[in-house]
Protein backbone atom coordinates (compact mmCIF):
# COMPACT_ATOMS: atom_id res chain seq x y z
CA UNK A 1 0.06 0.03 0.02
CA UNK A 2 1.37 3.53 -0.63
CA UNK A 3 0.24 6.67 0.55
CA UNK A 4 -0.70 10.04 -1.60
CA UNK A 5 0.93 11.99 1.11
CA UNK A 6 0.47 15.75 2.05
CA UNK A 7 0.46 17.92 -0.51
CA UNK A 8 1.63 15.19 -2.93
CA UNK A 9 -0.39 14.65 -6.26
CA UNK A 10 -2.48 11.44 -5.81
CA UNK A 11 -1.53 8.82 -8.69
CA UNK A 12 -4.48 7.63 -10.83
CA UNK A 13 -6.81 5.25 -9.43
CA UNK A 14 -8.62 2.69 -11.88
CA UNK A 15 -11.60 1.50 -10.04
CA UNK A 16 -12.19 -2.07 -10.47
CA UNK A 17 -8.98 -2.41 -12.34
CA UNK A 18 -10.75 -0.86 -15.33
CA UNK A 19 -8.14 -0.25 -18.20
CA UNK A 20 -5.31 -1.89 -16.53
CA UNK A 21 -3.81 -4.71 -18.40
CA UNK A 22 -2.67 -7.22 -15.71
CA UNK A 23 -0.76 -9.78 -17.68
CA UNK A 24 -0.38 -11.30 -21.54
CA UNK A 25 -2.40 -14.43 -22.28
CA UNK A 26 -2.43 -16.93 -25.14
CA UNK A 27 -5.69 -18.39 -23.88
CA UNK A 28 -8.47 -15.86 -25.15
CA UNK A 29 -9.20 -12.29 -26.53
CA UNK A 30 -12.25 -10.48 -26.03
CA UNK A 31 -12.60 -7.39 -28.56
CA UNK A 32 -15.23 -5.39 -27.42
CA UNK A 33 -15.35 -2.91 -30.20
CA UNK A 34 -15.48 -5.65 -32.95
CA UNK A 35 -17.84 -8.03 -30.81
CA UNK A 36 -15.22 -10.93 -31.28
CA UNK A 37 -14.43 -13.75 -29.19
CA UNK A 38 -10.96 -15.39 -30.01
CA UNK A 39 -10.23 -18.87 -27.88
CA UNK A 40 -6.49 -20.03 -28.59
CA UNK A 41 -6.77 -18.21 -32.34
CA UNK A 42 -10.08 -19.47 -33.13
CA UNK A 43 -13.19 -17.01 -33.41
CA UNK A 44 -15.58 -18.44 -31.40
CA UNK A 45 -18.01 -18.74 -34.70
CA UNK A 46 -15.62 -21.50 -36.06
CA UNK A 47 -16.12 -23.61 -33.10
CA UNK A 48 -19.71 -23.26 -32.03
CA UNK A 49 -21.74 -25.94 -33.66
CA UNK A 50 -19.13 -27.62 -34.74
CA UNK A 51 -17.47 -29.08 -31.78
CA UNK A 52 -18.09 -30.61 -28.49
CA UNK A 53 -17.52 -28.80 -25.13
CA UNK A 54 -14.48 -31.55 -24.39
CA UNK A 55 -13.07 -30.42 -27.78
CA UNK A 56 -13.10 -26.68 -26.28
CA UNK A 57 -11.88 -27.42 -22.89
CA UNK A 58 -8.89 -29.62 -24.36
CA UNK A 59 -8.07 -26.41 -26.72
CA UNK A 60 -7.97 -24.10 -23.85
CA UNK A 61 -5.87 -26.48 -21.57
CA UNK A 62 -3.49 -27.62 -24.29
CA UNK A 63 -3.67 -24.90 -27.12
CA UNK A 64 -4.41 -26.85 -29.94
CA UNK A 65 -7.83 -28.97 -31.07
CA UNK A 66 -7.62 -32.41 -30.12
CA UNK A 67 -6.81 -35.33 -32.85
CA UNK A 68 -9.34 -38.10 -32.68
CA UNK A 69 -6.93 -40.25 -30.27
CA UNK A 70 -6.31 -37.29 -28.16
CA UNK A 71 -10.14 -36.57 -28.06
CA UNK A 72 -11.15 -40.24 -27.18
CA UNK A 73 -8.10 -40.34 -24.40
CA UNK A 74 -9.78 -36.85 -22.71
CA UNK A 75 -13.09 -38.39 -22.77
CA UNK A 76 -11.65 -41.66 -21.20
CA UNK A 77 -10.09 -39.70 -18.65
CA UNK A 78 -13.03 -37.62 -17.73
CA UNK A 79 -15.51 -40.41 -17.53
CA UNK A 80 -13.36 -42.20 -15.42
CA UNK A 81 -13.46 -39.11 -13.16
CA UNK A 82 -17.06 -37.93 -13.35
CA UNK A 83 -18.15 -39.68 -10.09
CA UNK A 84 -17.43 -37.71 -7.05
CA UNK A 85 -15.49 -39.61 -4.04
CA UNK A 86 -17.82 -41.44 -1.45
CA UNK A 87 -16.71 -39.12 1.27
CA UNK A 88 -17.87 -36.05 -1.13
CA UNK A 89 -21.11 -37.72 -1.86
CA UNK A 90 -21.69 -38.29 2.01
CA UNK A 91 -21.05 -34.65 2.49
CA UNK A 92 -23.02 -33.49 -0.12
CA UNK A 93 -26.25 -35.73 1.33
CA UNK A 94 -25.71 -33.54 4.32
CA UNK A 95 -25.58 -30.34 3.00
CA UNK A 96 -28.20 -30.58 0.10
CA UNK A 97 -31.06 -29.71 2.08
CA UNK A 98 -29.45 -26.68 3.52
CA UNK A 99 -27.99 -24.86 0.56
CA UNK A 100 -29.27 -23.86 -2.96
CA UNK A 101 -27.49 -22.83 -6.27
CA UNK A 102 -24.04 -21.36 -5.97
CA UNK A 103 -24.11 -22.08 -2.48
CA UNK A 104 -23.70 -25.29 -3.00
CA UNK A 105 -21.62 -25.36 -5.84
CA UNK A 106 -19.28 -23.34 -3.71
CA UNK A 107 -18.95 -25.83 -0.95
CA UNK A 108 -18.99 -28.67 -3.55
CA UNK A 109 -15.94 -27.43 -5.16
CA UNK A 110 -14.20 -27.10 -2.10
CA UNK A 111 -14.86 -31.02 -1.60
CA UNK A 112 -12.81 -31.80 -4.93
CA UNK A 113 -9.48 -32.15 -2.96
CA UNK A 114 -10.76 -35.24 -1.46
CA UNK A 115 -9.10 -38.13 -2.34
CA UNK A 116 -6.29 -36.05 -4.47
CA UNK A 117 -3.25 -36.92 -2.33
CA UNK A 118 -1.10 -35.04 -4.99
CA UNK A 119 -3.56 -31.61 -4.59
CA UNK A 120 -0.44 -29.46 -3.85
CA UNK A 121 1.67 -30.81 -6.84
CA UNK A 122 1.56 -27.46 -9.20
CA UNK A 123 3.59 -28.85 -12.16
CA UNK A 124 2.04 -28.37 -15.56
CA UNK A 125 0.99 -31.81 -16.56
CA UNK A 126 -0.65 -32.66 -13.11
CA UNK A 127 -2.60 -29.50 -13.17
CA UNK A 128 -3.81 -30.40 -16.52
CA UNK A 129 -4.98 -33.82 -15.37
CA UNK A 130 -6.36 -32.04 -12.30
CA UNK A 131 -8.63 -29.62 -14.75
CA UNK A 132 -9.96 -32.78 -16.55
CA UNK A 133 -10.89 -34.32 -13.46
CA UNK A 134 -12.48 -31.22 -11.89
CA UNK A 135 -14.44 -30.56 -15.10
CA UNK A 136 -15.64 -33.74 -14.82
CA UNK A 137 -16.98 -33.70 -11.70
CA UNK A 138 -18.57 -30.27 -11.57
CA UNK A 139 -21.66 -31.45 -12.90
CA UNK A 140 -22.10 -34.28 -10.71
CA UNK A 141 -22.20 -31.66 -7.73
CA UNK A 142 -25.07 -29.62 -9.47
CA UNK A 143 -26.86 -32.96 -10.59
CA UNK A 144 -26.61 -34.73 -7.40
CA UNK A 145 -27.58 -31.83 -5.32
CA UNK A 146 -30.81 -30.80 -7.09
CA UNK A 147 -31.84 -34.32 -6.98
CA UNK A 148 -31.06 -34.72 -3.36
CA UNK A 149 -33.09 -31.73 -2.61
CA UNK A 150 -36.18 -32.81 -4.42
CA UNK A 151 -36.23 -36.23 -2.40
CA UNK A 152 -34.77 -38.26 -5.36
CA UNK A 153 -31.96 -40.83 -5.32
CA UNK A 154 -28.61 -39.97 -6.76
CA UNK A 155 -28.26 -41.12 -10.66
CA UNK A 156 -24.75 -42.36 -11.19
CA UNK A 157 -23.06 -41.28 -14.38
CA UNK A 158 -22.57 -43.60 -17.51
CA UNK A 159 -19.36 -44.06 -18.52
CA UNK A 160 -20.15 -43.65 -22.43
CA UNK A 161 -21.73 -40.31 -21.94
CA UNK A 162 -20.46 -36.86 -22.91
CA UNK A 163 -20.41 -34.11 -20.27
CA UNK A 164 -23.42 -32.44 -21.69
CA UNK A 165 -25.65 -35.98 -22.15
CA UNK A 166 -24.29 -36.90 -18.83
CA UNK A 167 -25.11 -34.04 -16.92
CA UNK A 168 -28.83 -34.37 -18.34
CA UNK A 169 -28.99 -38.03 -17.20
CA UNK A 170 -27.75 -37.50 -13.89
CA UNK A 171 -30.32 -34.57 -13.55
CA UNK A 172 -33.22 -36.42 -14.51
CA UNK A 173 -32.21 -40.11 -14.56
CA UNK A 174 -33.32 -40.95 -18.32
CA UNK A 175 -31.63 -40.53 -21.46
CA UNK A 176 -32.04 -37.09 -22.84
CA UNK A 177 -33.32 -36.14 -26.47
CA UNK A 178 -30.24 -35.20 -28.67
CA UNK A 179 -31.85 -31.70 -29.38
CA UNK A 180 -31.29 -31.02 -25.69
CA UNK A 181 -27.91 -32.30 -25.70
CA UNK A 182 -26.87 -30.02 -28.49
CA UNK A 183 -28.50 -27.21 -27.02
CA UNK A 184 -26.91 -27.63 -23.51
CA UNK A 185 -23.41 -28.42 -25.63
CA UNK A 186 -23.51 -24.97 -27.32
CA UNK A 187 -24.25 -23.33 -24.30
CA UNK A 188 -21.21 -24.66 -22.48
CA UNK A 189 -19.19 -23.68 -25.31
CA UNK A 190 -20.32 -20.30 -25.79
CA UNK A 191 -19.48 -19.75 -21.82
CA UNK A 192 -16.40 -21.70 -21.44
CA UNK A 193 -14.25 -18.86 -21.33
CA UNK A 194 -14.14 -15.23 -21.44
CA UNK A 195 -10.66 -13.33 -20.76
CA UNK A 196 -9.94 -11.69 -17.71
CA UNK A 197 -13.12 -11.29 -16.33
CA UNK A 198 -13.60 -11.18 -12.38
CA UNK A 199 -13.86 -14.82 -11.33
CA UNK A 200 -10.93 -15.69 -13.79
CA UNK A 201 -9.03 -13.02 -12.04
CA UNK A 202 -9.86 -14.23 -8.89
CA UNK A 203 -8.59 -18.01 -9.48
CA UNK A 204 -5.40 -16.63 -10.87
CA UNK A 205 -4.88 -14.50 -7.91
CA UNK A 206 -5.53 -17.50 -5.70
CA UNK A 207 -3.04 -19.82 -7.88
CA UNK A 208 -0.68 -17.04 -7.98
CA UNK A 209 0.17 -17.69 -4.22
CA UNK A 210 1.26 -21.29 -4.88
CA UNK A 211 -2.28 -22.56 -3.56
CA UNK A 212 -3.63 -25.54 -5.16
CA UNK A 213 -6.17 -25.48 -8.08
CA UNK A 214 -8.98 -26.78 -5.84
CA UNK A 215 -8.74 -23.56 -3.81
CA UNK A 216 -8.44 -21.33 -7.08
CA UNK A 217 -11.59 -22.85 -8.15
CA UNK A 218 -13.51 -22.64 -4.98
CA UNK A 219 -12.67 -18.81 -4.95
CA UNK A 220 -13.64 -18.56 -8.66
CA UNK A 221 -16.92 -20.11 -7.91
CA UNK A 222 -17.49 -17.39 -5.11
CA UNK A 223 -16.68 -14.80 -7.54
CA UNK A 224 -18.96 -16.08 -10.40
CA UNK A 225 -22.00 -16.19 -7.58
CA UNK A 226 -22.34 -12.23 -7.56
CA UNK A 227 -25.10 -10.87 -9.99
CA UNK A 228 -22.70 -8.25 -11.29
CA UNK A 229 -21.02 -11.52 -12.70
CA UNK A 230 -22.78 -14.48 -13.40
CA UNK A 231 -25.99 -14.47 -11.47
CA UNK A 232 -28.39 -12.86 -14.25
CA UNK A 233 -29.88 -15.89 -16.49
CA UNK A 234 -32.43 -16.29 -13.62
CA UNK A 235 -33.55 -12.72 -13.74
CA UNK A 236 -33.80 -12.72 -17.58
CA UNK A 237 -36.02 -15.44 -17.50
CA UNK A 238 -38.49 -13.87 -15.08
CA UNK A 239 -38.17 -10.44 -16.96
CA UNK A 240 -39.60 -12.55 -20.22
CA UNK A 241 -42.09 -14.14 -17.93
CA UNK A 242 -43.45 -10.67 -16.90
CA UNK A 243 -43.61 -9.26 -20.34
CA UNK A 244 -45.65 -12.35 -21.77
CA UNK A 245 -45.86 -11.46 -25.31
CA UNK A 246 -43.92 -9.54 -28.30
CA UNK A 247 -46.79 -7.36 -28.44
CA UNK A 248 -46.40 -6.10 -24.85
CA UNK A 249 -42.52 -5.73 -24.96
CA UNK A 250 -42.38 -1.94 -25.88
CA UNK A 251 -44.90 -0.86 -23.37
CA UNK A 252 -43.00 -2.90 -20.63
CA UNK A 253 -39.67 -2.17 -21.58
CA UNK A 254 -40.58 1.76 -21.66
CA UNK A 255 -41.92 1.47 -18.08
CA UNK A 256 -38.90 0.12 -16.73
CA UNK A 257 -36.52 2.60 -18.51
CA UNK A 258 -38.81 5.56 -17.25
CA UNK A 259 -38.60 4.02 -13.63
CA UNK A 260 -34.86 3.79 -13.68
CA UNK A 261 -34.42 0.01 -13.78
CA UNK A 262 -31.88 -1.88 -15.67
CA UNK A 263 -33.26 -4.31 -18.60
CA UNK A 264 -32.02 -7.53 -17.91
CA UNK A 265 -29.58 -9.22 -20.35
CA UNK A 266 -28.23 -5.76 -21.88
CA UNK A 267 -24.99 -3.96 -21.69
CA UNK A 268 -21.33 -5.26 -21.07
CA UNK A 269 -18.34 -4.17 -19.31
CA UNK A 270 -16.28 -4.68 -22.55
CA UNK A 271 -18.98 -5.34 -25.35
CA UNK A 272 -19.77 -2.01 -27.24
CA UNK A 273 -22.15 -3.87 -29.89
CA UNK A 274 -23.88 -6.98 -29.50
CA UNK A 275 -22.30 -9.80 -27.80
CA UNK A 276 -20.94 -12.51 -30.14
CA UNK A 277 -22.06 -15.28 -27.77
CA UNK A 278 -25.59 -13.92 -27.98
CA UNK A 279 -25.51 -14.57 -31.41
CA UNK A 280 -24.40 -18.19 -31.09
CA UNK A 281 -26.92 -18.91 -28.39
CA UNK A 282 -29.91 -17.55 -30.45
CA UNK A 283 -28.64 -19.46 -33.32
CA UNK A 284 -28.65 -22.42 -30.95
CA UNK A 285 -32.05 -21.69 -29.70
CA UNK A 286 -33.24 -21.17 -33.70
CA UNK A 287 -31.98 -25.27 -34.27
CA UNK A 288 -33.81 -26.40 -30.98
CA UNK A 289 -36.62 -24.59 -31.69
CA UNK A 290 -36.83 -25.86 -35.57
CA UNK A 291 -36.58 -29.49 -33.79
CA UNK A 292 -39.06 -29.21 -30.97
CA UNK A 293 -41.79 -26.94 -32.97
CA UNK A 294 -41.57 -24.76 -29.86
CA UNK A 295 -40.97 -21.00 -31.01
CA UNK A 296 -42.88 -19.01 -28.16
CA UNK A 297 -40.04 -18.00 -26.04
CA UNK A 298 -37.55 -17.55 -28.91
CA UNK A 299 -39.99 -15.09 -30.65
CA UNK A 300 -40.53 -13.32 -27.41
CA UNK A 301 -36.76 -12.98 -26.64
CA UNK A 302 -35.96 -11.85 -30.32
CA UNK A 303 -38.93 -8.93 -29.89
CA UNK A 304 -37.43 -8.37 -26.59
CA UNK A 305 -33.88 -7.89 -27.87
CA UNK A 306 -34.86 -5.55 -30.81
CA UNK A 307 -37.54 -3.57 -29.15
CA UNK A 308 -34.89 -2.85 -26.14
CA UNK A 309 -32.02 -1.89 -28.42
CA UNK A 310 -34.50 0.52 -30.30
CA UNK A 311 -35.67 2.11 -27.19
CA UNK A 312 -32.34 2.67 -25.59
CA UNK A 313 -31.09 4.35 -28.94
CA UNK A 314 -34.06 6.60 -28.39
CA UNK A 315 -34.01 7.04 -24.71
CA UNK A 316 -30.30 6.90 -24.27
CA UNK A 317 -28.43 7.73 -27.15
CA UNK A 318 -24.41 6.87 -27.57
CA UNK A 319 -24.95 4.40 -24.66
CA UNK A 320 -23.93 1.33 -26.71
CA UNK A 321 -26.21 -1.15 -24.81
CA UNK A 322 -26.89 -4.31 -26.56
CA UNK A 323 -27.89 -7.95 -25.72
CA UNK A 324 -25.03 -9.67 -23.79
CA UNK A 325 -25.11 -13.59 -23.49
CA UNK A 326 -27.28 -13.62 -20.61
CA UNK A 327 -30.37 -12.87 -22.87
CA UNK A 328 -29.81 -15.85 -24.75
CA UNK A 329 -28.37 -18.21 -21.81
CA UNK A 330 -31.99 -18.00 -20.07
CA UNK A 331 -33.48 -18.95 -23.34
CA UNK A 332 -31.56 -21.66 -24.21
CA UNK A 333 -31.24 -22.80 -20.66
CA UNK A 334 -34.84 -22.96 -20.25
CA UNK A 335 -35.34 -24.63 -23.71
CA UNK A 336 -33.18 -27.43 -22.61
CA UNK A 337 -35.28 -27.68 -19.40
CA UNK A 338 -32.59 -26.58 -17.02
CA UNK A 339 -33.99 -25.34 -13.41
CA UNK A 340 -33.85 -21.69 -13.03
CA UNK A 341 -32.12 -22.33 -9.74
CA UNK A 342 -29.37 -24.03 -11.74
CA UNK A 343 -28.95 -21.50 -14.25
CA UNK A 344 -25.64 -19.86 -12.82
CA UNK A 345 -24.35 -22.93 -11.21
CA UNK A 346 -24.40 -24.35 -15.14
CA UNK A 347 -22.23 -21.18 -15.88
CA UNK A 348 -19.74 -22.53 -13.40
CA UNK A 349 -19.88 -25.92 -15.03
CA UNK A 350 -19.03 -24.53 -18.55
CA UNK A 351 -16.48 -21.85 -17.13
CA UNK A 352 -14.36 -24.30 -15.26
CA UNK A 353 -12.52 -25.28 -18.32
CA UNK A 354 -11.19 -21.68 -18.83
CA UNK A 355 -10.70 -20.83 -15.06
CA UNK A 356 -8.32 -24.01 -14.82
CA UNK A 357 -6.71 -23.07 -18.11
CA UNK A 358 -6.06 -19.65 -16.84
CA UNK A 359 -4.63 -21.55 -13.59
CA UNK A 360 -2.08 -23.81 -15.85
CA UNK A 361 -1.08 -20.36 -17.60
CA UNK A 362 -0.61 -18.39 -14.51
CA UNK A 363 2.02 -21.15 -12.79
CA UNK A 364 4.08 -21.46 -16.19
CA UNK A 365 5.14 -17.78 -15.65
CA UNK A 366 3.98 -17.26 -12.07
CA UNK A 367 4.47 -13.77 -10.16
CA UNK A 368 2.35 -13.35 -7.16
CA UNK A 369 -0.58 -10.83 -8.03
CA UNK A 370 -0.03 -8.18 -5.38
CA UNK A 371 -1.35 -4.63 -6.70
CA UNK A 372 -1.14 -1.33 -4.60
CA UNK A 373 -3.80 0.91 -2.97
CA UNK A 374 -3.55 4.58 -2.17
CA UNK A 375 -4.02 5.26 1.32
CA UNK A 376 -6.47 8.34 1.58
CA UNK A 377 -7.03 8.17 5.77
CA UNK A 378 -6.12 10.67 8.48
CA UNK A 379 -2.69 10.73 9.92
CA UNK A 380 -1.29 11.65 13.65
CA UNK A 381 -4.30 10.38 15.22
CA UNK A 382 -3.58 10.04 19.38
CA UNK A 383 -4.19 7.32 21.30
CA UNK A 384 -7.09 7.78 24.20
CA UNK A 385 -7.85 5.17 27.20
CA UNK A 386 -11.31 3.76 26.34
CA UNK A 387 -13.36 5.85 28.63
CA UNK A 388 -12.01 8.91 27.05
CA UNK A 389 -13.13 8.17 23.65
CA UNK A 390 -16.41 9.64 22.36
């Protein structure tokens, strides 16, 4: 910590570290002015609809898309790690009735060090293997807890399932339709990685102390819990339900803006154009609608987006507020039939791949993350006995 000092010019403070470049990365670029998201050299539009989530996870961890043999090896590795250790399962059974949503994911994530005798080994290959195991186990925390809270028995994973299919099977106990698997896969790919956001930065801060990956993952989950970061899809769905029909969108949106309330699913710290992930998820939602024949929510969401952008340009010109990923995340998760309480935990499941990739990268050329602050408090106060203090 430094001090401005009496009479000294105070250094510039970047609240929220906005505009500060903290490190260089090979993992992702978020281009806010052009609305582009690049993962390890691939524009996200090159990947969406063409790859599985496991392929994207491999890309983030290893820097290149897997060959068939590498992909099969990763699938086998993650399949064998998908079930939680018995002690963690027992703890979940005790915790499930007393916590919900991100609270349970945070507690569950912290238990993933159970049975890992090598958890404090920080070499790159150990952490890549650990990343695959943690990614495989996070869906089980969400699915098992949901069933336990609803008085149902745990459904154990099948080794032949991929991550998206396996999650839906563990959640419901039945083989899911392929359209739902594809929709959830598209969602997980879209949210897998997004640069040095609050939760990713938190994870990198923790791992920079030479702590372990499970501790860093738990901290990242805690950061994601906040509604300013990952906790928005649920309120988006409530907003859509409140609007009801495309015909009611304009009146509802104008009333909210006049009252000074935020329209959920719009605006982003980085993007000054439409969030490219919103485009990917709206395309995925269109594919699902074509397969299921249910277009009601898609048409409502599209109307809300178009109306909101138009009204924002009229009432708040120059603000550059466009749809972000959360608007269509709510749509796709609802279409896949994920309970709204699990929307943010599912974000955490998908983002685990990005978090862990950043942890591996941080340790490759590690320096403790320790920014300064400026002291602006008083000086030269004099101590008084307690009975003389006002």
